[in-house]
Amino acid sequence: MSGAPDFDRIKAAEARLDGHVRRTPILSAPALDALAGRRVLVKAECLQHTGSFKARGGWAAVSALPAAVRARGVIACSSGNHAQGVARAAAAHGTRALIVMPGDAPAPKVENTRALGAEVVFYDRAREDRDGLTATLAERDGLTLIKPYDDTEVIAGQATTGLEIAAQAAAEGVHAAEVLVCCGGGGLSAGIALALAETAPRMRVRPVEPDGFDDMARSLAAGTRLANSARDGSICDAILTPMPGEITFPVLASRAGPGLVVTEGEVLRTMKLAFQHLKLVLEPGGAVALAAALFRPDALSGDAVIAVATGGNVSAEVFARALSMPPTRA
């Protein structure tokens, strides 16, 4: 399905998700406030079912399919978080899920996807055409493709994160803030921007990406979609996409502020800080938004900032590397 969802579609997705996804908490810690020089509120989507916000979009998309179409099964391509969200929703609806994953996907994500009942097909991220392979498999088996970000219902599902942010931040006395969102293709960023436009218009989304994979930041600055030259080579596997989405980019171009970029070292230090002060386990791609809040304070405005911690599906080796980082002090 093409086109950005309107607010009615977002509310309809919220109703279908009720009882099937968690209303994740917003957390804070004085040490993080001191480091950032302002109040930092962290939306802990790493505590969502399947360990990431992708459970929202996966459920929204699968549940929206006509019963006869859904019964034939679904297919998705993902390094692991969208895979798990779609697999979980497909299993709950009693249908098949086939997932196309890069061969370098973290082992825990592969194992969890299979544990949810999905079949996994691997491809070479640097050399093979993921979309072409996925299209071939979908046609062969009569499966419905659920895209990771350029899908109306997926965006509507991710937008429910923004509905929660607006209500939870208001309860904390925060009505105006920049909302930092980890960004790959832009499904979550666009969804939150659409939700906040209706529920908290004084909040502004700022997409955040890892250094070297800042296609959204560069595209927003240029006013047109630009691609990344690299396809792999970052620990932030969850948000490595070729270029901004066709649906998501126009949404962010009209509703988001400039993109932000953080380094791998800052991401690893942020993972350690989140564990120390919030007791959260974050994966690298799920930590970039909080990293920007902590290490790019001069690029932000206002007395408070909201960072979405999008996922916690990290390998033991990478997490150990993060915990071994030197101390960070305000």
Protein backbone atom coordinates (compact mmCIF):
# COMPACT_ATOMS: atom_id res chain seq x y z
CA MET A 1 0.00 0.00 0.00
CA SER A 2 1.41 3.41 -0.96
CA GLY A 3 1.09 6.84 0.55
CA ALA A 4 1.53 8.25 4.04
CA PRO A 5 -1.25 7.35 6.48
CA ASP A 6 -3.67 10.02 7.60
CA PHE A 7 -4.54 10.43 11.27
CA ASP A 8 -7.65 8.27 10.99
CA ARG A 9 -5.51 5.38 9.73
CA ILE A 10 -3.05 5.91 12.57
CA LYS A 11 -5.89 5.78 15.11
CA ALA A 12 -7.26 2.65 13.43
CA ALA A 13 -3.83 1.02 13.76
CA GLU A 14 -3.75 2.04 17.42
CA ALA A 15 -7.06 0.24 17.97
CA ARG A 16 -5.82 -2.95 16.28
CA LEU A 17 -2.59 -2.86 18.30
CA ASP A 18 -4.43 -2.50 21.61
CA GLY A 19 -3.54 -5.48 23.78
CA HIS A 20 -0.94 -6.74 21.32
CA VAL A 21 1.92 -4.28 21.90
CA ARG A 22 3.30 -2.70 25.03
CA ARG A 23 2.91 0.92 26.04
CA THR A 24 6.60 1.35 26.69
CA PRO A 25 7.77 3.70 29.45
CA ILE A 26 9.55 7.02 29.26
CA LEU A 27 12.62 6.98 31.52
CA SER A 28 15.11 9.54 32.76
CA ALA A 29 18.24 9.79 34.90
CA PRO A 30 19.94 12.83 36.50
CA ALA A 31 23.35 11.73 35.19
CA LEU A 32 22.10 11.81 31.60
CA ASP A 33 20.47 15.22 32.14
CA ALA A 34 23.80 16.54 33.44
CA LEU A 35 25.71 15.17 30.47
CA ALA A 36 23.22 16.60 27.96
CA GLY A 37 22.81 19.92 29.72
CA ARG A 38 19.02 19.61 29.59
CA ARG A 39 16.28 17.21 30.60
CA VAL A 40 16.45 13.94 28.67
CA LEU A 41 13.41 11.69 28.38
CA VAL A 42 14.02 8.24 26.86
CA LYS A 43 11.16 6.37 25.18
CA ALA A 44 12.19 2.76 25.85
CA GLU A 45 10.99 0.90 22.75
CA CYS A 46 13.77 -1.59 23.43
CA LEU A 47 11.31 -3.01 25.99
CA GLN A 48 8.69 -3.61 23.28
CA HIS A 49 7.69 -7.15 22.25
CA THR A 50 10.50 -8.65 20.11
CA GLY A 51 12.88 -6.06 21.55
CA SER A 52 12.08 -3.20 19.18
CA PHE A 53 9.43 -0.80 17.92
CA LYS A 54 9.08 -2.96 14.81
CA ALA A 55 6.49 -5.07 16.63
CA ARG A 56 4.10 -2.16 16.08
CA GLY A 57 4.44 -1.90 12.32
CA GLY A 58 4.52 -5.65 11.84
CA TRP A 59 1.26 -6.14 13.73
CA ALA A 60 -0.41 -3.17 12.06
CA ALA A 61 0.43 -4.43 8.57
CA VAL A 62 -0.43 -8.11 9.07
CA SER A 63 -3.66 -7.36 10.93
CA ALA A 64 -4.79 -4.97 8.17
CA LEU A 65 -4.62 -7.59 5.41
CA PRO A 66 -7.88 -9.15 4.18
CA ALA A 67 -8.22 -12.61 5.71
CA ALA A 68 -7.91 -14.45 2.39
CA VAL A 69 -4.74 -12.55 1.47
CA ARG A 70 -3.23 -13.00 4.93
CA ALA A 71 -3.85 -16.75 4.79
CA ARG A 72 -1.46 -17.09 1.84
CA GLY A 73 1.40 -15.79 3.95
CA VAL A 74 3.69 -12.76 4.11
CA ILE A 75 7.29 -11.97 3.21
CA ALA A 76 9.62 -9.29 4.52
CA CYS A 77 13.26 -8.28 4.20
CA SER A 78 15.10 -7.22 7.34
CA SER A 79 18.34 -7.47 9.29
CA GLY A 80 16.29 -8.69 12.22
CA ASN A 81 13.94 -6.25 13.95
CA HIS A 82 11.31 -5.90 11.22
CA ALA A 83 11.76 -9.64 10.69
CA GLN A 84 10.78 -10.38 14.26
CA GLY A 85 7.87 -7.94 14.23
CA VAL A 86 6.39 -9.52 11.09
CA ALA A 87 7.14 -13.06 12.26
CA ARG A 88 5.40 -12.48 15.59
CA ALA A 89 2.32 -11.00 13.94
CA ALA A 90 2.16 -13.75 11.31
CA ALA A 91 2.41 -16.48 13.94
CA ALA A 92 -0.35 -14.89 16.01
CA HIS A 93 -2.58 -14.75 12.92
CA GLY A 94 -1.79 -18.35 11.98
CA THR A 95 -0.04 -17.62 8.70
CA ARG A 96 3.35 -18.20 7.10
CA ALA A 97 6.22 -15.70 7.28
CA LEU A 98 9.26 -15.87 4.97
CA ILE A 99 12.06 -13.46 5.89
CA VAL A 100 14.94 -12.38 3.66
CA MET A 101 17.89 -11.49 5.91
CA PRO A 102 21.49 -10.36 5.21
CA GLY A 103 24.09 -13.03 5.85
CA ASP A 104 25.79 -10.77 8.40
CA ALA A 105 22.67 -10.25 10.52
CA PRO A 106 23.41 -10.64 14.23
CA ALA A 107 22.93 -14.24 15.35
CA PRO A 108 20.42 -13.37 18.12
CA LYS A 109 18.15 -11.70 15.55
CA VAL A 110 18.29 -14.71 13.24
CA GLU A 111 17.63 -17.11 16.11
CA ASN A 112 14.75 -15.05 17.46
CA THR A 113 13.16 -14.75 14.02
CA ARG A 114 13.25 -18.51 13.57
CA ALA A 115 11.97 -19.03 17.11
CA LEU A 116 8.89 -17.00 16.15
CA GLY A 117 8.17 -19.55 13.44
CA ALA A 118 9.49 -17.72 10.38
CA GLU A 119 11.50 -19.24 7.55
CA VAL A 120 14.75 -17.39 6.81
CA VAL A 121 16.51 -16.92 3.45
CA PHE A 122 19.93 -15.22 3.48
CA TYR A 123 21.49 -12.84 0.94
CA ASP A 124 24.80 -10.98 0.61
CA ARG A 125 24.14 -7.38 1.67
CA ALA A 126 27.07 -6.00 -0.35
CA ARG A 127 26.64 -8.00 -3.57
CA GLU A 128 23.06 -9.21 -3.99
CA ASP A 129 19.86 -7.37 -4.85
CA ARG A 130 17.73 -7.79 -1.74
CA ASP A 131 14.60 -6.30 -3.26
CA GLY A 132 14.90 -8.38 -6.42
CA LEU A 133 15.30 -11.60 -4.45
CA THR A 134 12.36 -10.72 -2.21
CA ALA A 135 10.13 -9.93 -5.19
CA THR A 136 11.05 -13.24 -6.85
CA LEU A 137 10.22 -15.25 -3.72
CA ALA A 138 6.96 -13.35 -3.17
CA GLU A 139 5.79 -14.07 -6.71
CA ARG A 140 6.88 -17.70 -6.54
CA ASP A 141 4.94 -18.44 -3.35
CA GLY A 142 2.07 -15.96 -3.62
CA LEU A 143 3.17 -14.05 -0.52
CA THR A 144 2.29 -10.46 0.40
CA LEU A 145 5.31 -8.20 0.81
CA ILE A 146 5.44 -6.13 3.99
CA LYS A 147 8.10 -3.49 3.46
CA PRO A 148 10.12 -2.34 6.48
CA TYR A 149 9.29 1.36 6.09
CA ASP A 150 7.65 2.25 2.75
CA ASP A 151 4.28 0.74 3.69
CA THR A 152 1.26 2.75 4.76
CA GLU A 153 0.14 0.36 7.49
CA VAL A 154 3.67 -0.14 8.81
CA ILE A 155 4.09 3.62 9.15
CA ALA A 156 0.68 3.85 10.84
CA GLY A 157 1.76 1.21 13.34
CA GLN A 158 5.05 2.95 14.08
CA ALA A 159 3.12 6.21 14.49
CA THR A 160 1.51 4.83 17.64
CA THR A 161 4.88 5.44 19.30
CA GLY A 162 4.30 9.13 18.68
CA LEU A 163 0.81 9.00 20.17
CA GLU A 164 2.32 7.57 23.35
CA ILE A 165 5.16 10.10 23.40
CA ALA A 166 2.72 13.01 23.23
CA ALA A 167 0.64 11.72 26.15
CA GLN A 168 3.58 10.58 28.29
CA ALA A 169 5.61 13.75 27.78
CA ALA A 170 2.59 15.88 28.67
CA ALA A 171 2.24 13.90 31.89
CA GLU A 172 5.88 14.82 32.60
CA GLY A 173 5.10 18.50 31.98
CA VAL A 174 6.87 18.54 28.60
CA HIS A 175 4.81 20.00 25.76
CA ALA A 176 7.55 21.33 23.47
CA ALA A 177 10.69 19.38 22.63
CA GLU A 178 12.81 17.95 19.88
CA VAL A 179 12.15 14.23 19.46
CA LEU A 180 15.24 12.35 18.36
CA VAL A 181 14.52 9.17 16.41
CA CYS A 182 16.94 6.48 15.19
CA CYS A 183 16.51 6.52 11.43
CA GLY A 184 17.05 4.00 8.65
CA GLY A 185 14.45 4.24 5.90
CA GLY A 186 12.39 6.64 8.00
CA GLY A 187 9.26 4.63 8.87
CA LEU A 188 9.40 5.36 12.59
CA SER A 189 10.55 8.96 12.13
CA ALA A 190 7.78 9.67 9.63
CA GLY A 191 5.15 7.92 11.72
CA ILE A 192 6.08 9.83 14.86
CA ALA A 193 6.15 13.11 12.91
CA LEU A 194 2.65 12.48 11.58
CA ALA A 195 1.32 11.58 15.03
CA LEU A 196 2.93 14.57 16.74
CA ALA A 197 1.61 16.97 14.10
CA GLU A 198 -1.89 16.14 15.38
CA THR A 199 -1.26 15.57 19.08
CA ALA A 200 1.77 17.68 20.05
CA PRO A 201 2.50 20.26 17.34
CA ARG A 202 5.20 21.97 19.44
CA MET A 203 7.34 18.85 19.22
CA ARG A 204 9.65 18.33 16.23
CA VAL A 205 11.23 15.10 15.01
CA ARG A 206 14.98 15.02 14.36
CA PRO A 207 16.16 11.85 12.58
CA VAL A 208 19.51 10.48 13.78
CA GLU A 209 21.91 8.23 11.85
CA PRO A 210 25.38 6.70 12.20
CA ASP A 211 28.38 8.35 10.59
CA GLY A 212 28.86 7.12 7.01
CA PHE A 213 25.21 6.12 6.63
CA ASP A 214 23.58 9.56 6.89
CA ASP A 215 21.45 9.40 3.75
CA MET A 216 18.43 10.93 5.49
CA ALA A 217 20.39 13.86 6.92
CA ARG A 218 22.01 14.58 3.56
CA SER A 219 18.72 14.16 1.71
CA LEU A 220 16.89 16.57 4.01
CA ALA A 221 19.65 19.12 3.53
CA ALA A 222 19.59 18.70 -0.26
CA GLY A 223 15.82 18.53 -0.62
CA THR A 224 15.98 15.30 -2.61
CA ARG A 225 16.61 11.63 -1.85
CA LEU A 226 20.28 10.70 -1.83
CA ALA A 227 21.77 7.22 -1.48
CA ASN A 228 24.52 5.86 0.74
CA SER A 229 27.64 4.77 -1.11
CA ALA A 230 28.20 1.90 1.35
CA ARG A 231 25.80 -0.93 2.14
CA ASP A 232 27.57 -2.36 5.19
CA GLY A 233 30.44 -1.62 7.56
CA SER A 234 28.67 -0.22 10.62
CA ILE A 235 27.74 -1.82 13.93
CA CYS A 236 24.34 -0.09 13.56
CA ASP A 237 22.94 -2.88 11.38
CA ALA A 238 19.32 -2.13 12.28
CA ILE A 239 19.32 1.22 10.46
CA LEU A 240 21.52 0.61 7.41
CA THR A 241 19.33 1.32 4.39
CA PRO A 242 20.31 2.31 0.83
CA MET A 243 18.37 5.59 0.81
CA PRO A 244 15.32 7.28 2.37
CA GLY A 245 11.93 5.82 1.56
CA GLU A 246 9.71 7.15 -1.20
CA ILE A 247 6.83 7.60 1.22
CA THR A 248 8.80 8.57 4.30
CA PHE A 249 11.09 11.22 2.82
CA PRO A 250 8.34 13.70 1.82
CA VAL A 251 6.82 13.39 5.28
CA LEU A 252 10.11 14.22 6.96
CA ALA A 253 11.01 16.90 4.44
CA SER A 254 7.87 18.80 5.44
CA ARG A 255 7.67 17.95 9.14
CA ALA A 256 11.13 17.16 10.55
CA GLY A 257 14.13 19.24 11.48
CA PRO A 258 17.65 18.67 10.19
CA GLY A 259 19.14 15.22 10.62
CA LEU A 260 21.85 14.46 13.16
CA VAL A 261 24.85 12.13 12.84
CA VAL A 262 26.82 10.33 15.57
CA THR A 263 30.00 8.28 15.59
CA GLU A 264 30.43 4.61 16.42
CA GLY A 265 32.36 5.50 19.57
CA GLU A 266 29.56 7.76 20.77
CA VAL A 267 27.05 4.98 20.12
CA LEU A 268 29.06 2.49 22.18
CA ARG A 269 29.46 4.96 25.05
CA THR A 270 25.73 5.64 24.95
CA MET A 271 24.96 1.94 25.21
CA LYS A 272 27.09 1.81 28.35
CA LEU A 273 25.45 4.92 29.81
CA ALA A 274 21.95 3.58 29.14
CA PHE A 275 22.83 0.37 30.93
CA GLN A 276 24.43 2.16 33.87
CA HIS A 277 21.78 4.81 34.45
CA LEU A 278 18.54 3.44 32.96
CA LYS A 279 19.19 -0.31 33.24
CA LEU A 280 18.42 -0.61 29.51
CA VAL A 281 20.14 -2.91 27.03
CA LEU A 282 20.38 -1.12 23.67
CA GLU A 283 21.64 -2.33 20.33
CA PRO A 284 23.86 0.11 18.41
CA GLY A 285 21.18 1.14 15.93
CA GLY A 286 18.76 1.64 18.79
CA ALA A 287 21.15 3.94 20.66
CA VAL A 288 21.93 6.60 18.05
CA ALA A 289 19.08 8.92 19.07
CA LEU A 290 20.15 8.96 22.71
CA ALA A 291 23.76 9.41 21.55
CA ALA A 292 22.74 12.59 19.76
CA ALA A 293 20.97 13.86 22.88
CA LEU A 294 24.12 13.28 24.94
CA PHE A 295 26.87 14.16 22.47
CA ARG A 296 25.27 16.76 20.16
CA PRO A 297 23.75 19.16 22.72
CA ASP A 298 24.72 22.27 20.76
CA ALA A 299 22.68 21.06 17.77
CA LEU A 300 19.51 20.95 19.89
CA SER A 301 17.22 23.58 21.33
CA GLY A 302 14.95 23.78 24.35
CA ASP A 303 15.08 22.68 27.97
CA ALA A 304 14.09 19.09 27.25
CA VAL A 305 14.76 16.51 24.58
CA ILE A 306 13.05 13.16 23.93
CA ALA A 307 15.12 10.28 22.54
CA VAL A 308 13.55 7.08 21.24
CA ALA A 309 15.60 4.01 22.21
CA THR A 310 14.36 1.90 19.34
CA GLY A 311 15.80 -1.57 19.97
CA GLY A 312 17.75 -3.83 22.28
CA ASN A 313 18.61 -6.87 20.14
CA VAL A 314 22.38 -6.82 20.55
CA SER A 315 24.91 -9.64 20.50
CA ALA A 316 26.86 -10.40 23.67
CA GLU A 317 30.12 -9.53 21.89
CA VAL A 318 29.02 -6.04 20.84
CA PHE A 319 27.43 -5.33 24.21
CA ALA A 320 30.64 -6.38 25.98
CA ARG A 321 32.53 -3.99 23.70
CA ALA A 322 30.19 -1.18 24.75
CA LEU A 323 30.58 -1.93 28.45
CA SER A 324 34.36 -1.80 28.08
CA MET A 325 34.26 1.84 26.88
CA PRO A 326 35.98 4.38 29.17
CA PRO A 327 33.82 6.37 31.59
CA THR A 328 31.87 9.37 30.27
CA ARG A 329 31.34 12.26 32.64
CA ALA A 330 29.52 15.57 32.40
